[in-house]
C-alpha atoms as a PDB file:
ATOM      1  CA  MET A   1      -8.688  60.299  17.085  1.00  0.00           C
ATOM      2  CA  ARG A   2      -8.868  59.007  13.533  1.00  0.00           C
ATOM      3  CA  GLU A   3      -7.954  55.504  12.315  1.00  0.00           C
ATOM      4  CA  VAL A   4      -6.629  55.226   8.778  1.00  0.00           C
ATOM      5  CA  ALA A   5      -6.826  51.792   7.041  1.00  0.00           C
ATOM      6  CA  ARG A   6      -4.214  51.244   4.374  1.00  0.00           C
ATOM      7  CA  LYS A   7      -4.392  48.446   1.783  1.00  0.00           C
ATOM      8  CA  SER A   8      -1.449  46.267   0.831  1.00  0.00           C
ATOM      9  CA  LYS A   9      -1.016  43.324  -1.515  1.00  0.00           C
ATOM     10  CA  VAL A  10      -2.332  41.034   1.176  1.00  0.00           C
ATOM     11  CA  GLY A  11      -5.553  43.000   1.771  1.00  0.00           C
ATOM     12  CA  VAL A  12      -6.732  45.362   4.469  1.00  0.00           C
ATOM     13  CA  LEU A  13      -4.627  45.128   7.575  1.00  0.00           C
ATOM     14  CA  PRO A  14      -6.216  44.814  11.033  1.00  0.00           C
ATOM     15  CA  GLN A  15      -7.079  48.132  12.577  1.00  0.00           C
ATOM     16  CA  ARG A  16      -4.537  47.746  15.359  1.00  0.00           C
ATOM     17  CA  LEU A  17      -1.800  47.803  12.712  1.00  0.00           C
ATOM     18  CA  CYS A  18      -3.133  50.848  10.860  1.00  0.00           C
ATOM     19  CA  VAL A  19      -1.689  54.333  11.211  1.00  0.00           C
ATOM     20  CA  SER A  20      -3.231  56.143  14.167  1.00  0.00           C
ATOM     21  CA  ALA A  21      -2.457  59.660  15.389  1.00  0.00           C
ATOM     22  CA  VAL A  22      -3.935  62.559  17.316  1.00  0.00           C
ATOM     23  CA  LYS A  23      -4.359  65.971  15.716  1.00  0.00           C
ATOM     24  CA  ILE A  24      -1.432  68.161  16.596  1.00  0.00           C
ATOM     25  CA  ASP A  25      -1.930  71.939  16.598  1.00  0.00           C
ATOM     26  CA  GLY A  26      -5.272  71.494  14.836  1.00  0.00           C
ATOM     27  CA  SER A  27      -3.612  69.858  11.869  1.00  0.00           C
ATOM     28  CA  ASP A  28      -4.215  66.401  10.317  1.00  0.00           C
ATOM     29  CA  ASN A  29      -0.610  66.169   9.221  1.00  0.00           C
ATOM     30  CA  LEU A  30       1.427  63.355  10.782  1.00  0.00           C
ATOM     31  CA  PRO A  31       5.088  63.779  11.625  1.00  0.00           C
ATOM     32  CA  ASN A  32       7.312  62.333   8.876  1.00  0.00           C
ATOM     33  CA  PHE A  33       8.987  59.783  11.131  1.00  0.00           C
ATOM     34  CA  VAL A  34       5.570  58.295  12.039  1.00  0.00           C
ATOM     35  CA  ILE A  35       4.632  57.909   8.382  1.00  0.00           C
ATOM     36  CA  VAL A  36       7.943  56.267   7.517  1.00  0.00           C
ATOM     37  CA  ARG A  37       7.714  53.882  10.441  1.00  0.00           C
ATOM     38  CA  GLU A  38       4.216  52.780   9.553  1.00  0.00           C
ATOM     39  CA  LEU A  39       5.094  52.298   5.884  1.00  0.00           C
ATOM     40  CA  MET A  40       8.033  50.107   6.828  1.00  0.00           C
ATOM     41  CA  VAL A  41       5.757  47.960   8.977  1.00  0.00           C
ATOM     42  CA  LEU A  42       3.325  47.540   6.076  1.00  0.00           C
ATOM     43  CA  VAL A  43       6.066  46.555   3.640  1.00  0.00           C
ATOM     44  CA  LEU A  44       7.608  44.031   6.008  1.00  0.00           C
ATOM     45  CA  LEU A  45       4.248  42.437   6.748  1.00  0.00           C
ATOM     46  CA  GLY A  46       3.479  42.138   3.040  1.00  0.00           C
ATOM     47  CA  LEU A  47       6.829  40.509   2.306  1.00  0.00           C
ATOM     48  CA  ALA A  48       6.429  38.088   5.199  1.00  0.00           C
ATOM     49  CA  ALA A  49       2.952  37.033   4.079  1.00  0.00           C
ATOM     50  CA  THR A  50       4.124  36.521   0.490  1.00  0.00           C
ATOM     51  CA  SER A  51       7.120  34.473   1.618  1.00  0.00           C
ATOM     52  CA  PHE A  52       4.951  32.321   3.916  1.00  0.00           C
ATOM     53  CA  GLY A  53       2.558  31.522   1.085  1.00  0.00           C
ATOM     54  CA  GLN A  54       5.371  30.598  -1.276  1.00  0.00           C
ATOM     55  CA  GLU A  55       6.970  28.260   1.275  1.00  0.00           C
ATOM     56  CA  ARG A  56       3.785  26.484   2.257  1.00  0.00           C
ATOM     57  CA  GLU A  57       1.876  25.995  -0.968  1.00  0.00           C
ATOM     58  CA  LEU A  58       3.168  23.151  -3.151  1.00  0.00           C
ATOM     59  CA  THR A  59       1.771  21.881  -6.413  1.00  0.00           C
ATOM     60  CA  PRO A  60      -0.008  18.496  -6.373  1.00  0.00           C
ATOM     61  CA  MET A  61       2.907  16.912  -8.243  1.00  0.00           C
ATOM     62  CA  GLN A  62       5.354  18.297  -5.698  1.00  0.00           C
ATOM     63  CA  TYR A  63       3.321  16.681  -2.943  1.00  0.00           C
ATOM     64  CA  PHE A  64       3.476  13.398  -4.885  1.00  0.00           C
ATOM     65  CA  ARG A  65       7.259  13.597  -5.380  1.00  0.00           C
ATOM     66  CA  ASN A  66       7.681  14.322  -1.694  1.00  0.00           C
ATOM     67  CA  ALA A  67       5.499  11.292  -0.883  1.00  0.00           C
ATOM     68  CA  GLU A  68       7.709   9.087  -3.069  1.00  0.00           C
ATOM     69  CA  SER A  69      10.757  10.309  -1.182  1.00  0.00           C
ATOM     70  CA  TYR A  70       9.103   9.787   2.208  1.00  0.00           C
ATOM     71  CA  ALA A  71       7.964   6.270   1.283  1.00  0.00           C
ATOM     72  CA  GLY A  72      11.428   5.414  -0.007  1.00  0.00           C
ATOM     73  CA  SER A  73      12.901   6.331   3.364  1.00  0.00           C
ATOM     74  CA  ARG A  74      10.047   4.622   5.280  1.00  0.00           C
ATOM     75  CA  ARG A  75       8.657   7.856   6.672  1.00  0.00           C
ATOM     76  CA  TRP A  76       5.146   6.498   6.348  1.00  0.00           C
ATOM     77  CA  ASP A  77       3.240   9.176   8.273  1.00  0.00           C
ATOM     78  CA  GLN A  78       4.674  11.948   6.132  1.00  0.00           C
ATOM     79  CA  ALA A  79       4.143   9.920   2.969  1.00  0.00           C
ATOM     80  CA  LEU A  80       0.448   9.420   3.742  1.00  0.00           C
ATOM     81  CA  GLU A  81      -0.010  13.087   4.624  1.00  0.00           C
ATOM     82  CA  ALA A  82       1.631  14.184   1.364  1.00  0.00           C
ATOM     83  CA  LEU A  83      -0.464  11.763  -0.711  1.00  0.00           C
ATOM     84  CA  ASP A  84      -3.688  12.947   0.909  1.00  0.00           C
ATOM     85  CA  ALA A  85      -2.698  16.542   0.130  1.00  0.00           C
ATOM     86  CA  CYS A  86      -1.792  15.618  -3.443  1.00  0.00           C
ATOM     87  CA  LEU A  87      -5.085  13.878  -4.224  1.00  0.00           C
ATOM     88  CA  ALA A  88      -7.171  16.502  -2.414  1.00  0.00           C
ATOM     89  CA  ARG A  89      -5.743  19.114  -4.787  1.00  0.00           C
ATOM     90  CA  ASP A  90      -5.689  16.996  -7.953  1.00  0.00           C
ATOM     91  CA  PRO A  91      -7.543  13.648  -7.983  1.00  0.00           C
ATOM     92  CA  SER A  92      -6.310  12.941 -11.520  1.00  0.00           C
ATOM     93  CA  ILE A  93      -2.753  12.012 -10.478  1.00  0.00           C
ATOM     94  CA  THR A  94      -3.239   8.296 -11.034  1.00  0.00           C
ATOM     95  CA  GLU A  95       0.030   6.999  -9.626  1.00  0.00           C
ATOM     96  CA  ALA A  96      -0.749   8.571  -6.270  1.00  0.00           C
ATOM     97  CA  TYR A  97      -3.566   6.046  -5.704  1.00  0.00           C
ATOM     98  CA  TYR A  98      -1.241   3.062  -6.092  1.00  0.00           C
ATOM     99  CA  LEU A  99       1.394   4.567  -3.818  1.00  0.00           C
ATOM    100  CA  ARG A 100      -1.209   5.505  -1.212  1.00  0.00           C
ATOM    101  CA  GLY A 101      -2.545   1.956  -1.333  1.00  0.00           C
ATOM    102  CA  THR A 102       0.873   0.548  -0.462  1.00  0.00           C
ATOM    103  CA  VAL A 103       1.336   3.117   2.325  1.00  0.00           C
ATOM    104  CA  ARG A 104      -2.104   2.371   3.742  1.00  0.00           C
ATOM    105  CA  GLU A 105      -1.267  -1.340   3.773  1.00  0.00           C
ATOM    106  CA  HIS A 106       1.713  -0.486   5.962  1.00  0.00           C
ATOM    107  CA  PHE A 107      -0.742   0.996   8.494  1.00  0.00           C
ATOM    108  CA  LYS A 108      -3.025  -2.061   8.090  1.00  0.00           C
ATOM    109  CA  LEU A 109      -5.731   0.142   6.577  1.00  0.00           C
ATOM    110  CA  ASP A 110      -6.582  -2.783   4.320  1.00  0.00           C
ATOM    111  CA  HIS A 111     -10.018  -1.738   3.103  1.00  0.00           C
ATOM    112  CA  GLU A 112      -8.860   1.815   2.391  1.00  0.00           C
ATOM    113  CA  ALA A 113      -5.858   0.396   0.519  1.00  0.00           C
ATOM    114  CA  LEU A 114      -8.152  -1.850  -1.505  1.00  0.00           C
ATOM    115  CA  THR A 115     -10.209   1.199  -2.520  1.00  0.00           C
ATOM    116  CA  ASP A 116      -7.049   2.906  -3.773  1.00  0.00           C
ATOM    117  CA  TYR A 117      -5.994  -0.183  -5.746  1.00  0.00           C
ATOM    118  CA  ASN A 118      -9.463  -0.449  -7.277  1.00  0.00           C
ATOM    119  CA  ILE A 119      -9.361   3.176  -8.436  1.00  0.00           C
ATOM    120  CA  TYR A 120      -5.874   2.763  -9.819  1.00  0.00           C
ATOM    121  CA  LEU A 121      -6.653  -0.470 -11.693  1.00  0.00           C
ATOM    122  CA  GLU A 122      -9.768   1.057 -13.227  1.00  0.00           C
ATOM    123  CA  LEU A 123      -7.372   3.462 -14.935  1.00  0.00           C
ATOM    124  CA  ARG A 124      -4.401   1.083 -15.371  1.00  0.00           C
ATOM    125  CA  PRO A 125      -5.999  -2.384 -15.687  1.00  0.00           C
ATOM    126  CA  THR A 126      -2.845  -4.135 -16.940  1.00  0.00           C
ATOM    127  CA  GLN A 127      -0.406  -2.734 -14.366  1.00  0.00           C
ATOM    128  CA  THR A 128       1.006  -6.016 -13.100  1.00  0.00           C
ATOM    129  CA  GLU A 129       2.456  -4.915  -9.777  1.00  0.00           C
ATOM    130  CA  ALA A 130      -0.731  -3.171  -8.688  1.00  0.00           C
ATOM    131  CA  LEU A 131      -2.772  -6.194  -9.757  1.00  0.00           C
ATOM    132  CA  PHE A 132      -0.540  -8.517  -7.739  1.00  0.00           C
ATOM    133  CA  ALA A 133      -0.721  -6.195  -4.716  1.00  0.00           C
ATOM    134  CA  ARG A 134      -4.525  -6.212  -4.915  1.00  0.00           C
ATOM    135  CA  ALA A 135      -4.627  -9.996  -5.394  1.00  0.00           C
ATOM    136  CA  GLN A 136      -2.525 -10.527  -2.272  1.00  0.00           C
ATOM    137  CA  LEU A 137      -4.648  -8.080  -0.304  1.00  0.00           C
ATOM    138  CA  ARG A 138      -7.885  -9.743  -1.406  1.00  0.00           C
ATOM    139  CA  PHE A 139      -6.397 -13.101  -0.430  1.00  0.00           C
ATOM    140  CA  ARG A 140      -5.558 -11.813   3.070  1.00  0.00           C
ATOM    141  CA  LEU A 141      -9.064 -10.359   3.375  1.00  0.00           C
ATOM    142  CA  LYS A 142     -10.446 -13.817   2.468  1.00  0.00           C
ATOM    143  CA  GLN A 143     -12.056 -12.478  -0.706  1.00  0.00           C
ATOM    144  CA  TYR A 144     -11.042 -15.656  -2.469  1.00  0.00           C
ATOM    145  CA  GLU A 145     -13.197 -15.389  -5.597  1.00  0.00           C
ATOM    146  CA  ASP A 146     -11.886 -11.906  -6.351  1.00  0.00           C
ATOM    147  CA  ALA A 147      -8.337 -12.925  -5.472  1.00  0.00           C
ATOM    148  CA  ARG A 148      -8.545 -15.869  -7.865  1.00  0.00           C
ATOM    149  CA  ALA A 149      -9.685 -13.570 -10.691  1.00  0.00           C
ATOM    150  CA  ASP A 150      -6.676 -11.306 -10.112  1.00  0.00           C
ATOM    151  CA  PHE A 151      -4.186 -14.172  -9.874  1.00  0.00           C
ATOM    152  CA  LEU A 152      -5.571 -15.753 -13.051  1.00  0.00           C
ATOM    153  CA  LYS A 153      -5.136 -12.469 -14.896  1.00  0.00           C
ATOM    154  CA  LEU A 154      -1.518 -12.371 -13.783  1.00  0.00           C
ATOM    155  CA  THR A 155      -0.829 -15.679 -15.540  1.00  0.00           C
ATOM    156  CA  TYR A 156      -1.106 -14.044 -18.968  1.00  0.00           C
ATOM    157  CA  LEU A 157       0.058 -10.463 -18.375  1.00  0.00           C
ATOM    158  CA  PRO A 158       3.719  -9.634 -19.118  1.00  0.00           C
ATOM    159  CA  ASN A 159       6.173  -9.106 -16.289  1.00  0.00           C
ATOM    160  CA  PRO A 160       6.674  -5.467 -15.280  1.00  0.00           C
ATOM    161  CA  GLU A 161       9.855  -3.458 -15.761  1.00  0.00           C
ATOM    162  CA  THR A 162      10.027  -2.211 -12.160  1.00  0.00           C
ATOM    163  CA  ASN A 163      11.249  -3.862  -8.975  1.00  0.00           C
ATOM    164  CA  SER A 164       8.693  -3.375  -6.205  1.00  0.00           C
ATOM    165  CA  VAL A 165       9.300  -5.820  -3.357  1.00  0.00           C
ATOM    166  CA  PHE A 166       6.523  -8.222  -2.363  1.00  0.00           C
ATOM    167  CA  PHE A 167       6.198 -10.505   0.647  1.00  0.00           C
ATOM    168  CA  GLN A 168       4.519 -13.883   0.279  1.00  0.00           C
ATOM    169  CA  VAL A 169       2.437 -14.620   3.358  1.00  0.00           C
ATOM    170  CA  ASP A 170       1.671 -18.244   4.092  1.00  0.00           C
ATOM    171  CA  ALA A 171      -2.069 -18.778   4.345  1.00  0.00           C
ATOM    172  CA  TYR A 172      -1.797 -21.324   7.151  1.00  0.00           C
ATOM    173  CA  SER A 173       1.056 -20.143   9.346  1.00  0.00           C
ATOM    174  CA  GLY A 174       0.573 -16.406   8.759  1.00  0.00           C
ATOM    175  CA  GLY A 175       4.338 -15.897   8.462  1.00  0.00           C
ATOM    176  CA  THR A 176       6.288 -14.309   5.635  1.00  0.00           C
ATOM    177  CA  SER A 177       7.825 -17.133   3.643  1.00  0.00           C
ATOM    178  CA  LYS A 178       9.191 -15.373   0.549  1.00  0.00           C
ATOM    179  CA  VAL A 179      10.442 -11.948  -0.457  1.00  0.00           C
ATOM    180  CA  PHE A 180      10.608 -11.279  -4.190  1.00  0.00           C
ATOM    181  CA  THR A 181       9.951  -8.831  -7.012  1.00  0.00           C
ATOM    182  CA  MET A 182       7.428  -9.343  -9.783  1.00  0.00           C
ATOM    183  CA  GLN A 183      10.146  -8.797 -12.368  1.00  0.00           C
ATOM    184  CA  GLY A 184      12.247 -11.678 -11.108  1.00  0.00           C
ATOM    185  CA  ALA A 185       9.490 -13.875  -9.729  1.00  0.00           C
ATOM    186  CA  ASP A 186       8.846 -17.251 -11.284  1.00  0.00           C
ATOM    187  CA  MET A 187       5.249 -17.948 -12.253  1.00  0.00           C
ATOM    188  CA  ALA A 188       5.369 -20.685  -9.619  1.00  0.00           C
ATOM    189  CA  TYR A 189       4.511 -18.118  -6.946  1.00  0.00           C
ATOM    190  CA  ILE A 190       1.328 -17.203  -8.807  1.00  0.00           C
ATOM    191  CA  PHE A 191       0.463 -20.894  -9.225  1.00  0.00           C
ATOM    192  CA  ASN A 192       1.042 -21.437  -5.507  1.00  0.00           C
ATOM    193  CA  TYR A 193      -1.352 -18.616  -4.641  1.00  0.00           C
ATOM    194  CA  LEU A 194      -3.934 -20.022  -7.053  1.00  0.00           C
ATOM    195  CA  GLY A 195      -3.588 -23.414  -5.394  1.00  0.00           C
ATOM    196  CA  GLN A 196      -4.158 -21.921  -1.946  1.00  0.00           C
ATOM    197  CA  THR A 197      -7.115 -19.891  -3.218  1.00  0.00           C
ATOM    198  CA  GLU A 198      -8.751 -22.971  -4.754  1.00  0.00           C
ATOM    199  CA  THR A 199      -8.131 -24.888  -1.521  1.00  0.00           C
ATOM    200  CA  HIS A 200      -9.986 -22.244   0.476  1.00  0.00           C
ATOM    201  CA  LEU A 201     -12.826 -22.330  -2.054  1.00  0.00           C
ATOM    202  CA  GLY A 202     -13.064 -26.116  -1.673  1.00  0.00           C
ATOM    203  CA  HIS A 203     -11.933 -26.805  -5.258  1.00  0.00           C
ATOM    204  CA  LEU A 204      -9.384 -29.375  -4.175  1.00  0.00           C
ATOM    205  CA  ASP A 205      -8.673 -31.074  -7.508  1.00  0.00           C
ATOM    206  CA  GLU A 206      -8.002 -27.701  -9.149  1.00  0.00           C
ATOM    207  CA  ALA A 207      -5.852 -26.686  -6.186  1.00  0.00           C
ATOM    208  CA  ILE A 208      -3.671 -29.801  -6.528  1.00  0.00           C
ATOM    209  CA  GLN A 209      -3.230 -29.134 -10.252  1.00  0.00           C
ATOM    210  CA  TRP A 210      -2.001 -25.605  -9.546  1.00  0.00           C
ATOM    211  CA  PHE A 211       0.445 -26.916  -6.927  1.00  0.00           C
ATOM    212  CA  ASP A 212       1.658 -29.508  -9.450  1.00  0.00           C
ATOM    213  CA  SER A 213       2.352 -26.688 -11.906  1.00  0.00           C
ATOM    214  CA  ALA A 214       4.211 -24.707  -9.237  1.00  0.00           C
ATOM    215  CA  ILE A 215       6.376 -27.692  -8.239  1.00  0.00           C
ATOM    216  CA  SER A 216       7.218 -28.418 -11.884  1.00  0.00           C
ATOM    217  CA  ARG A 217       8.845 -24.973 -11.994  1.00  0.00           C
ATOM    218  CA  ILE A 218      10.370 -24.803  -8.488  1.00  0.00           C
ATOM    219  CA  LYS A 219      11.155 -28.175  -6.915  1.00  0.00           C
ATOM    220  CA  GLY A 220      13.073 -26.867  -3.923  1.00  0.00           C
ATOM    221  CA  ASP A 221      10.381 -24.842  -2.166  1.00  0.00           C
ATOM    222  CA  PRO A 222       9.079 -26.716   0.906  1.00  0.00           C
ATOM    223  CA  ASP A 223       6.060 -24.404   1.315  1.00  0.00           C
ATOM    224  CA  ILE A 224       4.552 -25.548  -1.974  1.00  0.00           C
ATOM    225  CA  TYR A 225       4.825 -29.201  -0.927  1.00  0.00           C
ATOM    226  CA  VAL A 226       3.160 -28.376   2.383  1.00  0.00           C
ATOM    227  CA  ASN A 227       0.347 -26.519   0.618  1.00  0.00           C
ATOM    228  CA  ARG A 228      -0.220 -29.419  -1.777  1.00  0.00           C
ATOM    229  CA  GLY A 229      -0.128 -31.830   1.150  1.00  0.00           C
ATOM    230  CA  ILE A 230      -2.854 -29.850   2.909  1.00  0.00           C
ATOM    231  CA  ALA A 231      -5.008 -29.949  -0.234  1.00  0.00           C
ATOM    232  CA  ARG A 232      -4.448 -33.699  -0.598  1.00  0.00           C
ATOM    233  CA  GLU A 233      -5.267 -34.284   3.072  1.00  0.00           C
ATOM    234  CA  LYS A 234      -8.518 -32.363   2.691  1.00  0.00           C
ATOM    235  CA  ASN A 235      -9.194 -34.414  -0.451  1.00  0.00           C
ATOM    236  CA  ASN A 236      -8.871 -37.693   1.520  1.00  0.00           C
ATOM    237  CA  ASP A 237      -5.501 -38.560  -0.022  1.00  0.00           C
ATOM    238  CA  THR A 238      -3.694 -39.143   3.272  1.00  0.00           C
ATOM    239  CA  TYR A 239      -0.738 -41.042   1.824  1.00  0.00           C
ATOM    240  CA  GLY A 240      -0.171 -38.449  -0.879  1.00  0.00           C
ATOM    241  CA  ALA A 241      -0.311 -35.747   1.781  1.00  0.00           C
ATOM    242  CA  MET A 242       2.254 -37.562   3.942  1.00  0.00           C
ATOM    243  CA  ARG A 243       4.618 -37.862   0.965  1.00  0.00           C
ATOM    244  CA  ASP A 244       4.402 -34.094   0.447  1.00  0.00           C
ATOM    245  CA  PHE A 245       5.025 -33.307   4.119  1.00  0.00           C
ATOM    246  CA  ARG A 246       8.035 -35.658   4.170  1.00  0.00           C
ATOM    247  CA  GLN A 247       9.437 -34.061   1.014  1.00  0.00           C
ATOM    248  CA  ALA A 248       9.084 -30.618   2.591  1.00  0.00           C
ATOM    249  CA  LEU A 249      11.056 -31.883   5.601  1.00  0.00           C
ATOM    250  CA  ARG A 250      13.788 -33.282   3.355  1.00  0.00           C
ATOM    251  CA  ILE A 251      14.215 -29.786   1.942  1.00  0.00           C
ATOM    252  CA  ASP A 252      13.861 -28.033   5.314  1.00  0.00           C
ATOM    253  CA  PRO A 253      14.113 -30.380   8.335  1.00  0.00           C
ATOM    254  CA  SER A 254      13.005 -27.576  10.682  1.00  0.00           C
ATOM    255  CA  HIS A 255       9.780 -26.738   8.787  1.00  0.00           C
ATOM    256  CA  ALA A 256       7.303 -26.493  11.683  1.00  0.00           C
ATOM    257  CA  LEU A 257       4.130 -26.656   9.601  1.00  0.00           C
ATOM    258  CA  ALA A 258       5.315 -29.758   7.739  1.00  0.00           C
ATOM    259  CA  LYS A 259       6.075 -31.464  11.065  1.00  0.00           C
ATOM    260  CA  HIS A 260       2.660 -30.552  12.429  1.00  0.00           C
ATOM    261  CA  HIS A 261       0.700 -31.803   9.436  1.00  0.00           C
ATOM    262  CA  LEU A 262       2.781 -34.969   9.118  1.00  0.00           C
ATOM    263  CA  GLY A 263       1.993 -35.726  12.741  1.00  0.00           C
ATOM    264  CA  THR A 264      -1.753 -35.225  12.311  1.00  0.00           C
ATOM    265  CA  ALA A 265      -1.842 -37.159   9.026  1.00  0.00           C
ATOM    266  CA  SER A 266       0.026 -40.087  10.598  1.00  0.00           C
ATOM    267  CA  ASN A 267      -2.317 -40.287  13.591  1.00  0.00           C
ATOM    268  CA  PRO A 268      -5.978 -40.936  12.702  1.00  0.00           C
ATOM    269  CA  SER A 269      -7.144 -39.832  16.161  1.00  0.00           C
ATOM    270  CA  THR A 270      -5.771 -36.315  15.621  1.00  0.00           C
ATOM    271  CA  ARG A 271      -6.488 -36.040  11.912  1.00  0.00           C
ATOM    272  CA  ILE A 272      -8.241 -32.813  10.945  1.00  0.00           C
ATOM    273  CA  PRO A 273     -11.768 -33.051   9.492  1.00  0.00           C
ATOM    274  CA  HIS A 274     -11.847 -33.024   5.703  1.00  0.00           C
ATOM    275  CA  ARG A 275     -13.808 -30.493   3.740  1.00  0.00           C
ATOM    276  CA  HIS A 276     -15.527 -31.713   0.592  1.00  0.00           C
ATOM    277  CA  CYS A 277     -16.651 -29.840  -2.512  1.00  0.00           C
END
């Protein structure tokens, strides 16, 4: 018995697929129908392998475009998989880092998302939406010094031309209090974040000034009054704090946090300890 290995465009085929025959009448010649059958098998296998490769292998940019589509339809698992494949094949596709950061935030992979934002902002340091996303993330991670630096930078950068949606998370209640885009957002939201950041850092006078600036631009937001009231309460200005909590309740009578802080500020026995600079 003799095994004959034939090469195709996809390389040497396994021996079990190679032409095999027994000498007939002392001759090495194979019957014609055997040769034709084996050639057809080789051709079909080669076409199948070529087609499989063409269907499976995408360019890095194709992976990125697919990730954009997946993220737009909230198919987060597929979006993350496509972004990983994109950057594994071409780490120079800058926009993929920002998109992967937002997707990773969805999965609460906060530190991994922060790494992506850092890489992206090293290459695009004035991209406002990415800077705001990183500032919010640093704020949630209690990296208040770094968050303050990002929020301060946002006060002098121009508004972006895109419409990514952001959620403002209240630092004290943990709930989502605002939904907005950077394009349409008033600078008051940035001032409010700066006020909260300074409050956490113990810079209470600076915090109150930022809240004053926010209220001068948006007078109908009860959260800003509550945040300024908290800063004033920590700064031993109980009456000023109570005025802010009452004003928040005039705007929103059901504001739970305003009710809570007004109750503690009005009752010295339940008043929270103050933190000084």
